[in-house]
PDB file of N, CA and C in Angstrom:
ATOM      1  N   GLN A   1       4.300-206.423  77.617  1.00  0.00           N
ATOM      2  CA  GLN A   1       3.106-206.371  76.733  1.00  0.00           C
ATOM      3  C   GLN A   1       3.211-206.868  75.626  1.00  0.00           C
ATOM      4  N   VAL A   2       1.782-207.596  75.209  1.00  0.00           N
ATOM      5  CA  VAL A   2       1.549-208.044  73.864  1.00  0.00           C
ATOM      6  C   VAL A   2       0.476-207.425  73.332  1.00  0.00           C
ATOM      7  N   GLN A   3       0.729-206.934  72.184  1.00  0.00           N
ATOM      8  CA  GLN A   3      -0.594-206.607  71.702  1.00  0.00           C
ATOM      9  C   GLN A   3      -0.842-207.486  70.606  1.00  0.00           C
ATOM     10  N   LEU A   4      -2.558-207.985  70.356  1.00  0.00           N
ATOM     11  CA  LEU A   4      -2.818-208.798  69.422  1.00  0.00           C
ATOM     12  C   LEU A   4      -3.563-208.175  68.269  1.00  0.00           C
ATOM     13  N   VAL A   5      -3.543-208.758  67.291  1.00  0.00           N
ATOM     14  CA  VAL A   5      -4.549-208.146  65.984  1.00  0.00           C
ATOM     15  C   VAL A   5      -4.824-209.251  65.694  1.00  0.00           C
ATOM     16  N   GLU A   6      -6.263-209.486  65.183  1.00  0.00           N
ATOM     17  CA  GLU A   6      -6.963-210.583  64.453  1.00  0.00           C
ATOM     18  C   GLU A   6      -7.232-209.781  63.186  1.00  0.00           C
ATOM     19  N   SER A   7      -7.371-210.860  62.272  1.00  0.00           N
ATOM     20  CA  SER A   7      -7.790-210.813  60.918  1.00  0.00           C
ATOM     21  C   SER A   7      -8.328-212.116  60.148  1.00  0.00           C
ATOM     22  N   GLY A   8      -8.737-211.877  59.321  1.00  0.00           N
ATOM     23  CA  GLY A   8      -9.541-212.915  58.191  1.00  0.00           C
ATOM     24  C   GLY A   8     -10.738-213.581  58.720  1.00  0.00           C
ATOM     25  N   GLY A   9     -11.607-212.556  59.467  1.00  0.00           N
ATOM     26  CA  GLY A   9     -12.739-212.833  59.567  1.00  0.00           C
ATOM     27  C   GLY A   9     -13.614-212.510  58.433  1.00  0.00           C
ATOM     28  N   GLY A  10     -14.977-212.812  58.373  1.00  0.00           N
ATOM     29  CA  GLY A  10     -15.988-212.318  57.219  1.00  0.00           C
ATOM     30  C   GLY A  10     -17.019-213.129  57.267  1.00  0.00           C
ATOM     31  N   LEU A  11     -17.529-213.194  55.926  1.00  0.00           N
ATOM     32  CA  LEU A  11     -19.007-213.895  55.705  1.00  0.00           C
ATOM     33  C   LEU A  11     -18.715-214.970  54.606  1.00  0.00           C
ATOM     34  N   VAL A  12     -19.090-216.304  55.203  1.00  0.00           N
ATOM     35  CA  VAL A  12     -18.856-217.480  54.386  1.00  0.00           C
ATOM     36  C   VAL A  12     -20.204-218.269  54.251  1.00  0.00           C
ATOM     37  N   GLN A  13     -20.166-218.872  53.296  1.00  0.00           N
ATOM     38  CA  GLN A  13     -21.366-219.773  53.149  1.00  0.00           C
ATOM     39  C   GLN A  13     -21.191-221.068  54.072  1.00  0.00           C
ATOM     40  N   ALA A  14     -22.246-221.943  54.570  1.00  0.00           N
ATOM     41  CA  ALA A  14     -22.151-223.183  55.189  1.00  0.00           C
ATOM     42  C   ALA A  14     -21.097-223.947  54.334  1.00  0.00           C
ATOM     43  N   GLY A  15     -20.313-224.794  55.074  1.00  0.00           N
ATOM     44  CA  GLY A  15     -19.387-225.820  54.331  1.00  0.00           C
ATOM     45  C   GLY A  15     -18.170-225.324  54.055  1.00  0.00           C
ATOM     46  N   GLY A  16     -18.243-223.782  54.063  1.00  0.00           N
ATOM     47  CA  GLY A  16     -16.807-223.321  53.443  1.00  0.00           C
ATOM     48  C   GLY A  16     -15.693-223.092  54.700  1.00  0.00           C
ATOM     49  N   SER A  17     -14.824-222.214  54.157  1.00  0.00           N
ATOM     50  CA  SER A  17     -13.500-222.298  55.266  1.00  0.00           C
ATOM     51  C   SER A  17     -13.171-220.800  55.228  1.00  0.00           C
ATOM     52  N   LEU A  18     -12.290-220.521  56.137  1.00  0.00           N
ATOM     53  CA  LEU A  18     -11.847-219.388  56.690  1.00  0.00           C
ATOM     54  C   LEU A  18     -10.402-219.691  57.505  1.00  0.00           C
ATOM     55  N   ARG A  19      -9.532-218.639  57.381  1.00  0.00           N
ATOM     56  CA  ARG A  19      -8.285-218.657  57.748  1.00  0.00           C
ATOM     57  C   ARG A  19      -8.247-217.353  58.801  1.00  0.00           C
ATOM     58  N   LEU A  20      -8.447-217.546  60.096  1.00  0.00           N
ATOM     59  CA  LEU A  20      -8.004-216.274  60.896  1.00  0.00           C
ATOM     60  C   LEU A  20      -6.530-216.190  61.310  1.00  0.00           C
ATOM     61  N   SER A  21      -5.885-215.083  61.553  1.00  0.00           N
ATOM     62  CA  SER A  21      -4.577-214.710  61.784  1.00  0.00           C
ATOM     63  C   SER A  21      -4.738-213.566  62.742  1.00  0.00           C
ATOM     64  N   CYS A  22      -3.581-214.054  63.817  1.00  0.00           N
ATOM     65  CA  CYS A  22      -3.406-212.980  65.097  1.00  0.00           C
ATOM     66  C   CYS A  22      -1.961-212.726  65.131  1.00  0.00           C
ATOM     67  N   ALA A  23      -1.745-211.521  64.668  1.00  0.00           N
ATOM     68  CA  ALA A  23      -0.706-211.001  64.852  1.00  0.00           C
ATOM     69  C   ALA A  23       0.073-210.072  66.073  1.00  0.00           C
ATOM     70  N   ALA A  24       1.034-210.522  66.669  1.00  0.00           N
ATOM     71  CA  ALA A  24       1.402-209.861  67.971  1.00  0.00           C
ATOM     72  C   ALA A  24       2.563-208.952  67.765  1.00  0.00           C
ATOM     73  N   SER A  25       2.478-208.058  68.438  1.00  0.00           N
ATOM     74  CA  SER A  25       3.318-206.844  68.464  1.00  0.00           C
ATOM     75  C   SER A  25       3.810-206.544  69.978  1.00  0.00           C
ATOM     76  N   GLY A  26       4.972-205.993  69.929  1.00  0.00           N
ATOM     77  CA  GLY A  26       5.178-205.154  71.368  1.00  0.00           C
ATOM     78  C   GLY A  26       6.193-206.426  72.322  1.00  0.00           C
ATOM     79  N   ARG A  27       5.693-207.567  71.860  1.00  0.00           N
ATOM     80  CA  ARG A  27       6.877-208.829  72.714  1.00  0.00           C
ATOM     81  C   ARG A  27       6.326-209.947  72.098  1.00  0.00           C
ATOM     82  N   THR A  28       7.473-210.880  72.004  1.00  0.00           N
ATOM     83  CA  THR A  28       7.488-212.164  71.035  1.00  0.00           C
ATOM     84  C   THR A  28       6.472-213.146  71.750  1.00  0.00           C
ATOM     85  N   LEU A  29       5.809-213.959  70.946  1.00  0.00           N
ATOM     86  CA  LEU A  29       5.013-214.721  71.332  1.00  0.00           C
ATOM     87  C   LEU A  29       5.747-216.164  71.529  1.00  0.00           C
ATOM     88  N   SER A  30       6.753-216.122  71.570  1.00  0.00           N
ATOM     89  CA  SER A  30       7.677-217.193  71.541  1.00  0.00           C
ATOM     90  C   SER A  30       7.701-218.169  73.004  1.00  0.00           C
ATOM     91  N   ARG A  31       7.529-217.534  74.060  1.00  0.00           N
ATOM     92  CA  ARG A  31       7.178-218.122  75.375  1.00  0.00           C
ATOM     93  C   ARG A  31       5.613-217.646  75.657  1.00  0.00           C
ATOM     94  N   CYS A  32       4.724-218.104  75.027  1.00  0.00           N
ATOM     95  CA  CYS A  32       3.700-217.735  75.360  1.00  0.00           C
ATOM     96  C   CYS A  32       2.618-219.168  74.627  1.00  0.00           C
ATOM     97  N   ALA A  33       1.461-219.601  75.298  1.00  0.00           N
ATOM     98  CA  ALA A  33       0.670-220.320  74.898  1.00  0.00           C
ATOM     99  C   ALA A  33      -0.165-219.543  74.166  1.00  0.00           C
ATOM    100  N   VAL A  34      -0.882-219.904  73.083  1.00  0.00           N
ATOM    101  CA  VAL A  34      -1.954-219.023  72.341  1.00  0.00           C
ATOM    102  C   VAL A  34      -3.182-219.968  72.283  1.00  0.00           C
ATOM    103  N   ALA A  35      -3.921-218.973  71.639  1.00  0.00           N
ATOM    104  CA  ALA A  35      -5.502-219.558  72.010  1.00  0.00           C
ATOM    105  C   ALA A  35      -6.434-219.016  71.243  1.00  0.00           C
ATOM    106  N   TRP A  36      -7.647-219.639  70.933  1.00  0.00           N
ATOM    107  CA  TRP A  36      -8.811-218.625  70.145  1.00  0.00           C
ATOM    108  C   TRP A  36      -9.914-218.897  71.341  1.00  0.00           C
ATOM    109  N   PHE A  37     -10.856-217.926  71.232  1.00  0.00           N
ATOM    110  CA  PHE A  37     -12.128-218.307  71.899  1.00  0.00           C
ATOM    111  C   PHE A  37     -12.916-217.375  70.866  1.00  0.00           C
ATOM    112  N   ARG A  38     -14.484-217.361  71.395  1.00  0.00           N
ATOM    113  CA  ARG A  38     -15.485-217.150  70.441  1.00  0.00           C
ATOM    114  C   ARG A  38     -16.872-217.066  71.409  1.00  0.00           C
ATOM    115  N   GLN A  39     -17.562-215.623  70.659  1.00  0.00           N
ATOM    116  CA  GLN A  39     -18.373-215.388  71.456  1.00  0.00           C
ATOM    117  C   GLN A  39     -19.507-215.200  70.785  1.00  0.00           C
ATOM    118  N   ALA A  40     -20.759-215.685  70.751  1.00  0.00           N
ATOM    119  CA  ALA A  40     -21.942-215.772  69.873  1.00  0.00           C
ATOM    120  C   ALA A  40     -22.937-214.554  70.746  1.00  0.00           C
ATOM    121  N   PRO A  41     -23.807-214.152  69.639  1.00  0.00           N
ATOM    122  CA  PRO A  41     -24.698-213.200  70.071  1.00  0.00           C
ATOM    123  C   PRO A  41     -25.296-213.982  71.756  1.00  0.00           C
ATOM    124  N   GLY A  42     -25.535-213.296  72.778  1.00  0.00           N
ATOM    125  CA  GLY A  42     -26.262-213.930  73.829  1.00  0.00           C
ATOM    126  C   GLY A  42     -25.889-215.160  74.504  1.00  0.00           C
ATOM    127  N   LYS A  43     -24.648-215.470  73.928  1.00  0.00           N
ATOM    128  CA  LYS A  43     -23.663-216.426  74.728  1.00  0.00           C
ATOM    129  C   LYS A  43     -22.500-215.917  75.165  1.00  0.00           C
ATOM    130  N   VAL A  44     -21.829-216.709  76.194  1.00  0.00           N
ATOM    131  CA  VAL A  44     -20.815-216.426  77.125  1.00  0.00           C
ATOM    132  C   VAL A  44     -19.639-216.931  76.025  1.00  0.00           C
ATOM    133  N   ARG A  45     -18.352-216.078  76.256  1.00  0.00           N
ATOM    134  CA  ARG A  45     -17.266-216.382  75.541  1.00  0.00           C
ATOM    135  C   ARG A  45     -17.084-218.147  76.010  1.00  0.00           C
ATOM    136  N   GLU A  46     -16.743-218.722  74.893  1.00  0.00           N
ATOM    137  CA  GLU A  46     -16.141-220.217  74.993  1.00  0.00           C
ATOM    138  C   GLU A  46     -14.881-220.535  74.248  1.00  0.00           C
ATOM    139  N   PHE A  47     -14.371-221.457  74.739  1.00  0.00           N
ATOM    140  CA  PHE A  47     -13.002-221.780  74.254  1.00  0.00           C
ATOM    141  C   PHE A  47     -12.766-222.445  72.802  1.00  0.00           C
ATOM    142  N   VAL A  48     -11.808-222.299  71.966  1.00  0.00           N
ATOM    143  CA  VAL A  48     -12.262-222.959  70.849  1.00  0.00           C
ATOM    144  C   VAL A  48     -11.016-223.848  70.403  1.00  0.00           C
ATOM    145  N   ALA A  49      -9.678-223.482  70.772  1.00  0.00           N
ATOM    146  CA  ALA A  49      -8.367-224.116  70.541  1.00  0.00           C
ATOM    147  C   ALA A  49      -7.515-223.462  71.418  1.00  0.00           C
ATOM    148  N   ALA A  50      -6.449-224.287  71.619  1.00  0.00           N
ATOM    149  CA  ALA A  50      -5.273-223.766  72.192  1.00  0.00           C
ATOM    150  C   ALA A  50      -3.851-224.211  71.848  1.00  0.00           C
ATOM    151  N   MET A  51      -2.810-223.501  71.807  1.00  0.00           N
ATOM    152  CA  MET A  51      -1.582-224.609  71.952  1.00  0.00           C
ATOM    153  C   MET A  51      -0.512-224.092  72.516  1.00  0.00           C
ATOM    154  N   ASN A  52       0.447-224.785  72.982  1.00  0.00           N
ATOM    155  CA  ASN A  52       1.427-224.472  73.710  1.00  0.00           C
ATOM    156  C   ASN A  52       2.443-223.851  73.482  1.00  0.00           C
ATOM    157  N   TYR A  53       3.536-223.481  74.235  1.00  0.00           N
ATOM    158  CA  TYR A  53       4.590-222.721  73.758  1.00  0.00           C
ATOM    159  C   TYR A  53       5.424-223.491  72.792  1.00  0.00           C
ATOM    160  N   TYR A  54       5.490-224.756  72.938  1.00  0.00           N
ATOM    161  CA  TYR A  54       6.204-225.794  72.519  1.00  0.00           C
ATOM    162  C   TYR A  54       5.756-226.078  70.796  1.00  0.00           C
ATOM    163  N   ALA A  55       4.434-225.212  70.683  1.00  0.00           N
ATOM    164  CA  ALA A  55       3.790-225.553  69.349  1.00  0.00           C
ATOM    165  C   ALA A  55       3.641-226.984  69.055  1.00  0.00           C
ATOM    166  N   VAL A  56       3.287-227.854  70.011  1.00  0.00           N
ATOM    167  CA  VAL A  56       2.613-229.232  69.935  1.00  0.00           C
ATOM    168  C   VAL A  56       1.316-229.022  70.815  1.00  0.00           C
ATOM    169  N   ASN A  57       0.734-230.370  71.108  1.00  0.00           N
ATOM    170  CA  ASN A  57      -0.135-230.858  72.364  1.00  0.00           C
ATOM    171  C   ASN A  57      -1.480-229.645  71.635  1.00  0.00           C
ATOM    172  N   PRO A  58      -1.849-229.555  70.350  1.00  0.00           N
ATOM    173  CA  PRO A  58      -3.034-228.728  70.591  1.00  0.00           C
ATOM    174  C   PRO A  58      -4.083-229.131  71.096  1.00  0.00           C
ATOM    175  N   ASN A  59      -5.051-228.211  71.800  1.00  0.00           N
ATOM    176  CA  ASN A  59      -6.555-229.035  72.365  1.00  0.00           C
ATOM    177  C   ASN A  59      -7.613-228.024  71.864  1.00  0.00           C
ATOM    178  N   TYR A  60      -8.510-228.857  71.406  1.00  0.00           N
ATOM    179  CA  TYR A  60      -9.903-228.298  70.637  1.00  0.00           C
ATOM    180  C   TYR A  60     -11.177-228.228  71.559  1.00  0.00           C
ATOM    181  N   ALA A  61     -12.020-227.525  71.251  1.00  0.00           N
ATOM    182  CA  ALA A  61     -13.232-227.832  72.018  1.00  0.00           C
ATOM    183  C   ALA A  61     -13.949-228.681  71.090  1.00  0.00           C
ATOM    184  N   ASP A  62     -14.977-229.623  71.786  1.00  0.00           N
ATOM    185  CA  ASP A  62     -15.244-231.090  70.982  1.00  0.00           C
ATOM    186  C   ASP A  62     -16.187-230.468  69.894  1.00  0.00           C
ATOM    187  N   SER A  63     -16.898-229.368  69.894  1.00  0.00           N
ATOM    188  CA  SER A  63     -17.576-228.767  68.957  1.00  0.00           C
ATOM    189  C   SER A  63     -16.750-228.355  67.586  1.00  0.00           C
ATOM    190  N   VAL A  64     -15.325-228.355  67.606  1.00  0.00           N
ATOM    191  CA  VAL A  64     -14.658-228.020  66.550  1.00  0.00           C
ATOM    192  C   VAL A  64     -13.481-228.852  66.028  1.00  0.00           C
ATOM    193  N   LYS A  65     -13.481-229.832  67.193  1.00  0.00           N
ATOM    194  CA  LYS A  65     -12.431-230.832  66.892  1.00  0.00           C
ATOM    195  C   LYS A  65     -12.763-231.524  65.477  1.00  0.00           C
ATOM    196  N   GLY A  66     -11.542-231.448  64.688  1.00  0.00           N
ATOM    197  CA  GLY A  66     -11.726-232.630  63.337  1.00  0.00           C
ATOM    198  C   GLY A  66     -11.963-231.405  62.322  1.00  0.00           C
ATOM    199  N   ARG A  67     -12.405-230.064  62.498  1.00  0.00           N
ATOM    200  CA  ARG A  67     -12.719-229.201  61.631  1.00  0.00           C
ATOM    201  C   ARG A  67     -11.814-227.927  61.526  1.00  0.00           C
ATOM    202  N   PHE A  68     -11.486-227.651  62.919  1.00  0.00           N
ATOM    203  CA  PHE A  68     -10.387-226.304  63.062  1.00  0.00           C
ATOM    204  C   PHE A  68      -9.006-226.944  63.394  1.00  0.00           C
ATOM    205  N   THR A  69      -7.972-226.108  62.832  1.00  0.00           N
ATOM    206  CA  THR A  69      -6.685-226.323  63.324  1.00  0.00           C
ATOM    207  C   THR A  69      -6.152-225.274  63.581  1.00  0.00           C
ATOM    208  N   ILE A  70      -5.496-225.011  65.099  1.00  0.00           N
ATOM    209  CA  ILE A  70      -4.570-223.855  65.396  1.00  0.00           C
ATOM    210  C   ILE A  70      -3.078-224.381  64.911  1.00  0.00           C
ATOM    211  N   SER A  71      -2.544-223.438  64.945  1.00  0.00           N
ATOM    212  CA  SER A  71      -1.091-223.368  64.233  1.00  0.00           C
ATOM    213  C   SER A  71      -0.248-222.146  64.692  1.00  0.00           C
ATOM    214  N   ARG A  72       0.994-221.959  64.792  1.00  0.00           N
ATOM    215  CA  ARG A  72       1.622-220.835  65.010  1.00  0.00           C
ATOM    216  C   ARG A  72       3.002-220.701  64.372  1.00  0.00           C
ATOM    217  N   ASP A  73       3.319-219.396  64.037  1.00  0.00           N
ATOM    218  CA  ASP A  73       4.511-219.194  63.260  1.00  0.00           C
ATOM    219  C   ASP A  73       5.385-218.369  64.139  1.00  0.00           C
ATOM    220  N   ASN A  74       6.331-218.692  65.158  1.00  0.00           N
ATOM    221  CA  ASN A  74       6.845-217.775  66.074  1.00  0.00           C
ATOM    222  C   ASN A  74       8.129-216.854  65.361  1.00  0.00           C
ATOM    223  N   ALA A  75       8.249-217.125  63.778  1.00  0.00           N
ATOM    224  CA  ALA A  75       9.383-216.539  63.465  1.00  0.00           C
ATOM    225  C   ALA A  75       8.575-215.227  62.982  1.00  0.00           C
ATOM    226  N   LYS A  76       7.021-215.429  62.604  1.00  0.00           N
ATOM    227  CA  LYS A  76       6.368-214.287  61.940  1.00  0.00           C
ATOM    228  C   LYS A  76       5.655-213.663  63.311  1.00  0.00           C
ATOM    229  N   ASN A  77       5.877-214.251  64.511  1.00  0.00           N
ATOM    230  CA  ASN A  77       4.887-213.395  65.681  1.00  0.00           C
ATOM    231  C   ASN A  77       3.572-213.672  65.521  1.00  0.00           C
ATOM    232  N   THR A  78       2.854-214.762  64.928  1.00  0.00           N
ATOM    233  CA  THR A  78       1.803-214.813  64.563  1.00  0.00           C
ATOM    234  C   THR A  78       0.983-216.192  64.656  1.00  0.00           C
ATOM    235  N   PHE A  79      -0.291-216.416  65.104  1.00  0.00           N
ATOM    236  CA  PHE A  79      -0.569-217.679  64.827  1.00  0.00           C
ATOM    237  C   PHE A  79      -2.091-217.804  64.277  1.00  0.00           C
ATOM    238  N   TYR A  80      -2.545-218.677  64.039  1.00  0.00           N
ATOM    239  CA  TYR A  80      -3.492-219.039  63.091  1.00  0.00           C
ATOM    240  C   TYR A  80      -4.813-219.928  63.662  1.00  0.00           C
ATOM    241  N   LEU A  81      -6.024-219.855  63.201  1.00  0.00           N
ATOM    242  CA  LEU A  81      -6.915-220.772  63.004  1.00  0.00           C
ATOM    243  C   LEU A  81      -7.766-221.154  61.883  1.00  0.00           C
ATOM    244  N   GLU A  82      -7.423-222.165  61.626  1.00  0.00           N
ATOM    245  CA  GLU A  82      -7.700-222.613  60.076  1.00  0.00           C
ATOM    246  C   GLU A  82      -9.157-223.189  60.460  1.00  0.00           C
ATOM    247  N   MET A  83     -10.390-222.665  59.596  1.00  0.00           N
ATOM    248  CA  MET A  83     -11.484-223.352  60.101  1.00  0.00           C
ATOM    249  C   MET A  83     -12.414-223.964  58.785  1.00  0.00           C
ATOM    250  N   ASN A  84     -12.444-225.132  58.849  1.00  0.00           N
ATOM    251  CA  ASN A  84     -13.268-225.932  57.718  1.00  0.00           C
ATOM    252  C   ASN A  84     -14.599-226.377  57.899  1.00  0.00           C
ATOM    253  N   SER A  85     -15.378-226.779  56.809  1.00  0.00           N
ATOM    254  CA  SER A  85     -16.639-226.944  57.084  1.00  0.00           C
ATOM    255  C   SER A  85     -17.628-226.579  58.308  1.00  0.00           C
ATOM    256  N   LEU A  86     -17.300-225.185  57.660  1.00  0.00           N
ATOM    257  CA  LEU A  86     -18.222-224.391  58.615  1.00  0.00           C
ATOM    258  C   LEU A  86     -19.697-224.481  58.805  1.00  0.00           C
ATOM    259  N   ASN A  87     -20.545-224.395  59.857  1.00  0.00           N
ATOM    260  CA  ASN A  87     -21.637-224.055  59.735  1.00  0.00           C
ATOM    261  C   ASN A  87     -22.232-223.035  60.617  1.00  0.00           C
ATOM    262  N   ALA A  88     -23.746-222.866  60.786  1.00  0.00           N
ATOM    263  CA  ALA A  88     -24.506-221.700  61.518  1.00  0.00           C
ATOM    264  C   ALA A  88     -24.001-221.523  62.695  1.00  0.00           C
ATOM    265  N   GLU A  89     -23.766-222.452  63.498  1.00  0.00           N
ATOM    266  CA  GLU A  89     -23.190-222.436  65.201  1.00  0.00           C
ATOM    267  C   GLU A  89     -21.647-221.855  64.925  1.00  0.00           C
ATOM    268  N   ASP A  90     -21.123-221.814  64.149  1.00  0.00           N
ATOM    269  CA  ASP A  90     -19.605-221.265  64.368  1.00  0.00           C
ATOM    270  C   ASP A  90     -19.836-219.553  64.156  1.00  0.00           C
ATOM    271  N   THR A  91     -21.106-219.046  63.950  1.00  0.00           N
ATOM    272  CA  THR A  91     -21.031-217.740  63.945  1.00  0.00           C
ATOM    273  C   THR A  91     -20.821-217.158  65.227  1.00  0.00           C
ATOM    274  N   ALA A  92     -19.708-216.050  65.119  1.00  0.00           N
ATOM    275  CA  ALA A  92     -19.333-215.575  66.542  1.00  0.00           C
ATOM    276  C   ALA A  92     -18.489-214.363  66.154  1.00  0.00           C
ATOM    277  N   VAL A  93     -17.823-213.714  67.258  1.00  0.00           N
ATOM    278  CA  VAL A  93     -16.824-213.048  67.280  1.00  0.00           C
ATOM    279  C   VAL A  93     -15.639-213.630  67.671  1.00  0.00           C
ATOM    280  N   TYR A  94     -14.600-213.987  66.859  1.00  0.00           N
ATOM    281  CA  TYR A  94     -13.669-214.678  67.416  1.00  0.00           C
ATOM    282  C   TYR A  94     -12.624-213.840  67.860  1.00  0.00           C
ATOM    283  N   TYR A  95     -12.022-214.408  69.146  1.00  0.00           N
ATOM    284  CA  TYR A  95     -10.911-213.778  69.782  1.00  0.00           C
ATOM    285  C   TYR A  95      -9.635-214.419  69.888  1.00  0.00           C
ATOM    286  N   CYS A  96      -8.513-213.943  69.752  1.00  0.00           N
ATOM    287  CA  CYS A  96      -7.324-214.706  70.034  1.00  0.00           C
ATOM    288  C   CYS A  96      -6.454-213.994  71.315  1.00  0.00           C
ATOM    289  N   ALA A  97      -5.879-214.971  71.836  1.00  0.00           N
ATOM    290  CA  ALA A  97      -5.259-214.773  73.369  1.00  0.00           C
ATOM    291  C   ALA A  97      -4.174-215.351  73.482  1.00  0.00           C
ATOM    292  N   ALA A  98      -3.201-214.693  74.674  1.00  0.00           N
ATOM    293  CA  ALA A  98      -2.099-215.300  74.851  1.00  0.00           C
ATOM    294  C   ALA A  98      -1.604-215.351  76.062  1.00  0.00           C
ATOM    295  N   ALA A  99      -0.895-216.343  76.536  1.00  0.00           N
ATOM    296  CA  ALA A  99      -0.815-216.185  78.012  1.00  0.00           C
ATOM    297  C   ALA A  99       0.835-216.400  78.194  1.00  0.00           C
ATOM    298  N   GLN A 100       1.308-215.817  79.025  1.00  0.00           N
ATOM    299  CA  GLN A 100       2.737-216.293  79.377  1.00  0.00           C
ATOM    300  C   GLN A 100       2.943-217.264  80.090  1.00  0.00           C
ATOM    301  N   THR A 101       3.327-218.501  79.346  1.00  0.00           N
ATOM    302  CA  THR A 101       3.656-219.672  80.263  1.00  0.00           C
ATOM    303  C   THR A 101       4.489-220.617  79.339  1.00  0.00           C
ATOM    304  N   THR A 102       5.279-221.327  80.021  1.00  0.00           N
ATOM    305  CA  THR A 102       6.123-222.610  79.288  1.00  0.00           C
ATOM    306  C   THR A 102       5.218-223.812  79.498  1.00  0.00           C
ATOM    307  N   SER A 103       4.165-223.745  80.191  1.00  0.00           N
ATOM    308  CA  SER A 103       3.548-225.101  80.709  1.00  0.00           C
ATOM    309  C   SER A 103       2.922-225.934  79.419  1.00  0.00           C
ATOM    310  N   TYR A 104       3.593-227.407  79.253  1.00  0.00           N
ATOM    311  CA  TYR A 104       3.027-228.263  78.335  1.00  0.00           C
ATOM    312  C   TYR A 104       1.630-228.267  78.359  1.00  0.00           C
ATOM    313  N   GLU A 105       1.240-228.448  79.158  1.00  0.00           N
ATOM    314  CA  GLU A 105      -0.723-228.354  79.226  1.00  0.00           C
ATOM    315  C   GLU A 105      -1.307-226.841  78.683  1.00  0.00           C
ATOM    316  N   THR A 106      -2.198-226.892  78.011  1.00  0.00           N
ATOM    317  CA  THR A 106      -2.872-225.660  77.623  1.00  0.00           C
ATOM    318  C   THR A 106      -3.906-225.701  78.521  1.00  0.00           C
ATOM    319  N   SER A 107      -4.634-224.286  78.723  1.00  0.00           N
ATOM    320  CA  SER A 107      -5.784-224.106  79.392  1.00  0.00           C
ATOM    321  C   SER A 107      -7.039-223.823  78.271  1.00  0.00           C
ATOM    322  N   TYR A 108      -8.227-224.235  78.863  1.00  0.00           N
ATOM    323  CA  TYR A 108      -9.511-223.550  78.130  1.00  0.00           C
ATOM    324  C   TYR A 108     -10.068-222.618  78.787  1.00  0.00           C
ATOM    325  N   ARG A 109      -9.600-221.915  79.903  1.00  0.00           N
ATOM    326  CA  ARG A 109     -10.057-221.129  80.749  1.00  0.00           C
ATOM    327  C   ARG A 109      -9.615-219.632  80.240  1.00  0.00           C
ATOM    328  N   SER A 110     -10.739-218.743  79.958  1.00  0.00           N
ATOM    329  CA  SER A 110     -10.403-217.531  79.677  1.00  0.00           C
ATOM    330  C   SER A 110      -9.556-216.637  80.686  1.00  0.00           C
ATOM    331  N   SER A 111      -9.786-216.886  81.756  1.00  0.00           N
ATOM    332  CA  SER A 111      -9.163-216.338  83.246  1.00  0.00           C
ATOM    333  C   SER A 111      -7.614-216.390  82.723  1.00  0.00           C
ATOM    334  N   ASP A 112      -7.066-217.509  82.366  1.00  0.00           N
ATOM    335  CA  ASP A 112      -5.722-218.073  82.409  1.00  0.00           C
ATOM    336  C   ASP A 112      -4.788-217.220  81.139  1.00  0.00           C
ATOM    337  N   TYR A 113      -5.517-216.502  80.118  1.00  0.00           N
ATOM    338  CA  TYR A 113      -4.812-215.358  79.146  1.00  0.00           C
ATOM    339  C   TYR A 113      -4.710-214.310  79.396  1.00  0.00           C
ATOM    340  N   ASN A 114      -3.394-213.574  79.390  1.00  0.00           N
ATOM    341  CA  ASN A 114      -3.423-212.369  79.884  1.00  0.00           C
ATOM    342  C   ASN A 114      -3.378-211.297  78.748  1.00  0.00           C
ATOM    343  N   TYR A 115      -3.502-211.799  77.411  1.00  0.00           N
ATOM    344  CA  TYR A 115      -3.277-210.807  76.033  1.00  0.00           C
ATOM    345  C   TYR A 115      -4.566-211.204  75.120  1.00  0.00           C
ATOM    346  N   TRP A 116      -5.648-210.116  74.918  1.00  0.00           N
ATOM    347  CA  TRP A 116      -6.369-210.511  74.219  1.00  0.00           C
ATOM    348  C   TRP A 116      -6.745-209.545  72.908  1.00  0.00           C
ATOM    349  N   GLY A 117      -6.984-210.170  71.778  1.00  0.00           N
ATOM    350  CA  GLY A 117      -7.175-209.231  70.681  1.00  0.00           C
ATOM    351  C   GLY A 117      -8.609-208.550  70.780  1.00  0.00           C
ATOM    352  N   GLN A 118      -8.661-207.608  69.584  1.00  0.00           N
ATOM    353  CA  GLN A 118     -10.128-207.084  69.619  1.00  0.00           C
ATOM    354  C   GLN A 118     -11.550-207.746  69.204  1.00  0.00           C
ATOM    355  N   GLY A 119     -11.020-208.736  68.595  1.00  0.00           N
ATOM    356  CA  GLY A 119     -12.261-209.810  67.797  1.00  0.00           C
ATOM    357  C   GLY A 119     -12.147-209.308  66.638  1.00  0.00           C
ATOM    358  N   THR A 120     -12.462-210.428  65.848  1.00  0.00           N
ATOM    359  CA  THR A 120     -12.977-210.509  64.211  1.00  0.00           C
ATOM    360  C   THR A 120     -14.416-211.366  64.297  1.00  0.00           C
ATOM    361  N   GLN A 121     -15.128-210.481  63.365  1.00  0.00           N
ATOM    362  CA  GLN A 121     -16.447-211.359  63.263  1.00  0.00           C
ATOM    363  C   GLN A 121     -16.463-212.535  62.366  1.00  0.00           C
ATOM    364  N   VAL A 122     -17.146-213.778  62.495  1.00  0.00           N
ATOM    365  CA  VAL A 122     -17.125-214.847  61.522  1.00  0.00           C
ATOM    366  C   VAL A 122     -18.545-214.876  61.347  1.00  0.00           C
ATOM    367  N   THR A 123     -19.495-214.799  60.283  1.00  0.00           N
ATOM    368  CA  THR A 123     -20.477-215.036  59.921  1.00  0.00           C
ATOM    369  C   THR A 123     -20.674-216.020  59.055  1.00  0.00           C
ATOM    370  N   VAL A 124     -21.383-217.145  59.260  1.00  0.00           N
ATOM    371  CA  VAL A 124     -21.492-218.335  58.465  1.00  0.00           C
ATOM    372  C   VAL A 124     -23.174-218.429  58.165  1.00  0.00           C
ATOM    373  N   SER A 125     -23.166-218.364  56.541  1.00  0.00           N
ATOM    374  CA  SER A 125     -24.747-217.934  56.097  1.00  0.00           C
ATOM    375  C   SER A 125     -25.277-219.608  55.791  1.00  0.00           C
ATOM    376  N   SER A 126     -26.438-220.172  56.232  1.00  0.00           N
ATOM    377  CA  SER A 126     -26.953-221.334  56.058  1.00  0.00           C
ATOM    378  C   SER A 126     -27.784-221.319  54.393  1.00  0.00           C
TER     379      SER A 126
END
């Protein structure tokens, strides 16, 4: 079992930046793909970014490409989402997720991820 805990959410002005962290406990993330999803009020949960077990081949939703960066530090059992040039459409609860897979390809489907954090609120004021 892997327990995931997000941190780093908050209120930021449009154009600003935030860095989300997802710390894992209970089991190493080193053989897991990791991802971030988000859910805005009244909308379905959507894929944001993912990175494979090898820490390469990041995959991003078109809406965040060029603004968000996913990274991981297996030594710290933690992964991150650096968010820049934030806008009001980025307002959502952000969830981190992990999947026990060593596949080179990453998935954008939430059903492919075994473990989930509790979510952290990101609010962007315009």
